[in-house]
Amino acid sequence: MATLALVGLPGSGKSTVGRQLARRLGWAFQDTDHLIEQRLGCSIRVFFEREGEARFRDVEEAVIDELTQHDVGVLATGGGAVLRQANREHLHGRCQVVYLHSSPEDVFRRLRHDTQRPLLQVADPQARLRELYEARDPLYRETAHFIIETGRPSVPTLANMILMQLELAGVVPR
């Protein structure tokens, strides 16, 4: 088992697709946001409001550094994990990274009723997603070994597409 890490915008399907991939591969599944919340003892949203983004990114960096030092199976990262150079280096150097590429419009369609994502609790979430995409897309691409267009396929179809890429590259056995 290796570590397969998923990166992408909030709502691109990292956790959902990651769980499906882990199940199909018989690997463990880890979600950095979930582990961070366990460590903090509160939701990311509450921590964000109380301590600020910089403090949150410090905790996230420590968690990613720890997790990527071991083979943990499938790892879903938070949408902003790539903002820190250390995270990009740890993910790219220690894992096989798949960028779930979603347009801001696709993500907005999936998330328009979500009230749990701190970065989207703004007057114009679609404009916010476009800003996040502009800032982060180059960082996701720099970190990734594979880029998968998410578009509108179902979760099982996306998992199949990713597994096919990984098999062709020799990352996982056929």
Protein backbone atom coordinates (compact mmCIF):
# COMPACT_ATOMS: atom_id res chain seq x y z
CA MET A 1 0.00 0.00 0.00
CA ALA A 2 1.18 3.51 -0.77
CA THR A 3 -0.44 6.83 -0.08
CA LEU A 4 -2.76 8.21 -2.69
CA ALA A 5 -3.64 11.84 -1.94
CA LEU A 6 -6.53 13.75 -3.47
CA VAL A 7 -6.37 17.52 -3.95
CA GLY A 8 -8.87 19.97 -5.42
CA LEU A 9 -11.33 22.73 -4.68
CA PRO A 10 -13.73 22.41 -1.76
CA GLY A 11 -16.61 20.28 -3.05
CA SER A 12 -14.65 18.65 -5.87
CA GLY A 13 -15.35 15.22 -4.34
CA LYS A 14 -12.11 14.43 -2.50
CA SER A 15 -13.74 12.80 0.53
CA THR A 16 -16.55 11.06 -1.36
CA VAL A 17 -14.34 9.75 -4.16
CA GLY A 18 -11.56 8.99 -1.68
CA ARG A 19 -13.81 6.72 0.38
CA GLN A 20 -14.86 4.87 -2.77
CA LEU A 21 -11.25 4.45 -3.93
CA ALA A 22 -10.15 3.19 -0.52
CA ARG A 23 -12.99 0.66 -0.48
CA ARG A 24 -12.14 -0.55 -4.01
CA LEU A 25 -8.41 -0.85 -3.24
CA GLY A 26 -8.94 -2.37 0.22
CA TRP A 27 -6.94 0.51 1.70
CA ALA A 28 -7.56 2.72 4.70
CA PHE A 29 -9.14 6.14 4.18
CA GLN A 30 -8.04 9.31 5.97
CA ASP A 31 -9.57 12.77 5.68
CA THR A 32 -7.25 15.56 6.87
CA ASP A 33 -10.16 17.85 7.77
CA HIS A 34 -11.74 15.13 9.94
CA LEU A 35 -8.41 14.40 11.67
CA ILE A 36 -7.85 18.12 12.26
CA GLU A 37 -11.31 18.46 13.84
CA GLN A 38 -10.56 15.50 16.12
CA ARG A 39 -7.27 17.09 17.14
CA LEU A 40 -8.84 20.54 17.70
CA GLY A 41 -11.90 19.24 19.52
CA CYS A 42 -14.16 21.53 17.46
CA SER A 43 -15.25 22.10 13.89
CA ILE A 44 -12.89 23.75 11.43
CA ARG A 45 -15.46 26.51 10.99
CA VAL A 46 -15.44 27.33 14.73
CA PHE A 47 -11.62 27.17 14.89
CA PHE A 48 -11.35 29.36 11.78
CA GLU A 49 -13.62 32.00 13.36
CA ARG A 50 -11.84 31.85 16.71
CA GLU A 51 -8.17 31.51 15.73
CA GLY A 52 -8.02 32.58 12.07
CA GLU A 53 -6.87 30.93 8.87
CA ALA A 54 -3.12 31.15 9.55
CA ARG A 55 -3.43 29.16 12.80
CA PHE A 56 -5.63 26.60 11.03
CA ARG A 57 -3.03 26.23 8.25
CA ASP A 58 -0.34 25.56 10.89
CA VAL A 59 -2.35 22.65 12.29
CA GLU A 60 -3.14 21.39 8.78
CA GLU A 61 0.55 21.47 7.83
CA ALA A 62 1.50 19.41 10.90
CA VAL A 63 -1.21 16.82 10.16
CA ILE A 64 -0.19 16.49 6.49
CA ASP A 65 3.48 16.18 7.42
CA GLU A 66 2.67 13.38 9.89
CA LEU A 67 0.32 11.50 7.58
CA THR A 68 2.58 11.62 4.52
CA GLN A 69 5.50 10.08 6.41
CA HIS A 70 3.68 6.74 6.41
CA ASP A 71 1.66 4.73 3.92
CA VAL A 72 -1.85 5.62 5.01
CA GLY A 73 -3.89 4.48 2.01
CA VAL A 74 -6.15 7.12 0.48
CA LEU A 75 -5.85 10.65 1.86
CA ALA A 76 -8.41 13.38 1.18
CA THR A 77 -6.90 16.81 1.81
CA GLY A 78 -8.62 20.09 2.55
CA GLY A 79 -9.16 22.38 -0.43
CA GLY A 80 -6.55 24.88 0.79
CA ALA A 81 -3.85 22.38 1.75
CA VAL A 82 -1.80 23.34 -1.34
CA LEU A 83 -1.48 26.95 -0.17
CA ARG A 84 1.56 26.01 1.92
CA GLN A 85 4.75 25.13 0.05
CA ALA A 86 5.63 22.49 2.68
CA ASN A 87 2.31 20.70 2.06
CA ARG A 88 2.84 20.72 -1.71
CA GLU A 89 6.34 19.28 -1.24
CA HIS A 90 5.24 16.61 1.25
CA LEU A 91 2.27 15.54 -0.86
CA HIS A 92 4.11 15.47 -4.19
CA GLY A 93 7.27 13.90 -2.78
CA ARG A 94 5.71 11.26 -0.53
CA CYS A 95 2.40 10.38 -2.24
CA GLN A 96 0.81 9.80 -5.60
CA VAL A 97 -1.37 12.90 -5.96
CA VAL A 98 -4.58 13.10 -7.97
CA TYR A 99 -6.05 16.54 -8.68
CA LEU A 100 -9.83 16.30 -8.97
CA HIS A 101 -10.24 19.19 -11.39
CA SER A 102 -13.66 20.84 -11.12
CA SER A 103 -14.80 24.12 -12.58
CA PRO A 104 -16.02 26.73 -10.08
CA GLU A 105 -19.50 26.38 -11.66
CA ASP A 106 -19.58 22.59 -11.09
CA VAL A 107 -18.50 23.07 -7.47
CA PHE A 108 -21.08 25.80 -6.89
CA ARG A 109 -23.82 23.52 -8.22
CA ARG A 110 -22.74 20.82 -5.71
CA LEU A 111 -22.23 23.17 -2.73
CA ARG A 112 -24.87 25.86 -3.08
CA HIS A 113 -26.77 24.58 -0.01
CA ASP A 114 -23.69 23.76 2.13
CA THR A 115 -23.38 25.94 5.24
CA GLN A 116 -20.37 24.16 6.79
CA ARG A 117 -17.57 25.52 4.59
CA PRO A 118 -16.10 28.70 6.13
CA LEU A 119 -14.63 30.05 2.90
CA LEU A 120 -18.02 29.94 1.16
CA GLN A 121 -20.00 31.82 3.82
CA VAL A 122 -19.84 35.03 1.78
CA ALA A 123 -22.31 37.19 -0.14
CA ASP A 124 -21.30 35.73 -3.54
CA PRO A 125 -20.02 32.16 -3.10
CA GLN A 126 -19.75 31.60 -6.86
CA ALA A 127 -17.41 34.59 -7.21
CA ARG A 128 -15.47 33.27 -4.18
CA LEU A 129 -15.09 29.86 -5.87
CA ARG A 130 -13.79 31.56 -9.03
CA GLU A 131 -11.21 33.43 -6.90
CA LEU A 132 -10.18 30.20 -5.14
CA TYR A 133 -9.88 28.44 -8.50
CA GLU A 134 -7.70 31.21 -10.00
CA ALA A 135 -5.39 31.18 -6.98
CA ARG A 136 -5.24 27.42 -6.38
CA ASP A 137 -5.46 25.72 -9.79
CA PRO A 138 -1.73 26.29 -10.53
CA LEU A 139 -0.85 24.95 -7.06
CA TYR A 140 -3.03 21.83 -7.50
CA ARG A 141 -1.34 21.23 -10.87
CA GLU A 142 2.14 21.69 -9.35
CA THR A 143 1.34 19.15 -6.62
CA ALA A 144 -0.42 16.52 -8.75
CA HIS A 145 0.93 13.51 -10.59
CA PHE A 146 -2.49 12.93 -12.22
CA ILE A 147 -5.31 15.29 -13.19
CA ILE A 148 -8.85 13.93 -13.45
CA GLU A 149 -11.67 16.06 -14.86
CA THR A 150 -14.61 15.59 -12.52
CA GLY A 151 -17.32 17.17 -14.68
CA ARG A 152 -20.59 15.38 -14.01
CA PRO A 153 -19.75 11.66 -13.80
CA SER A 154 -20.99 9.62 -10.88
CA VAL A 155 -18.69 8.81 -7.97
CA PRO A 156 -18.20 5.18 -9.12
CA THR A 157 -17.34 6.40 -12.64
CA LEU A 158 -14.80 8.88 -11.24
CA ALA A 159 -13.27 6.13 -9.08
CA ASN A 160 -12.99 3.90 -12.17
CA MET A 161 -11.31 6.71 -14.14
CA ILE A 162 -8.77 7.26 -11.36
CA LEU A 163 -8.08 3.55 -10.88
CA MET A 164 -7.53 3.14 -14.62
CA GLN A 165 -4.97 5.98 -14.62
CA LEU A 166 -3.20 4.53 -11.58
CA GLU A 167 -3.13 1.03 -13.09
CA LEU A 168 -1.75 2.32 -16.41
CA ALA A 169 0.97 4.20 -14.51
CA GLY A 170 1.83 1.10 -12.45
CA VAL A 171 0.92 2.81 -9.17
CA VAL A 172 -1.61 0.13 -8.21
CA PRO A 173 -1.79 -3.47 -9.45
CA ARG A 174 -4.25 -4.30 -12.23
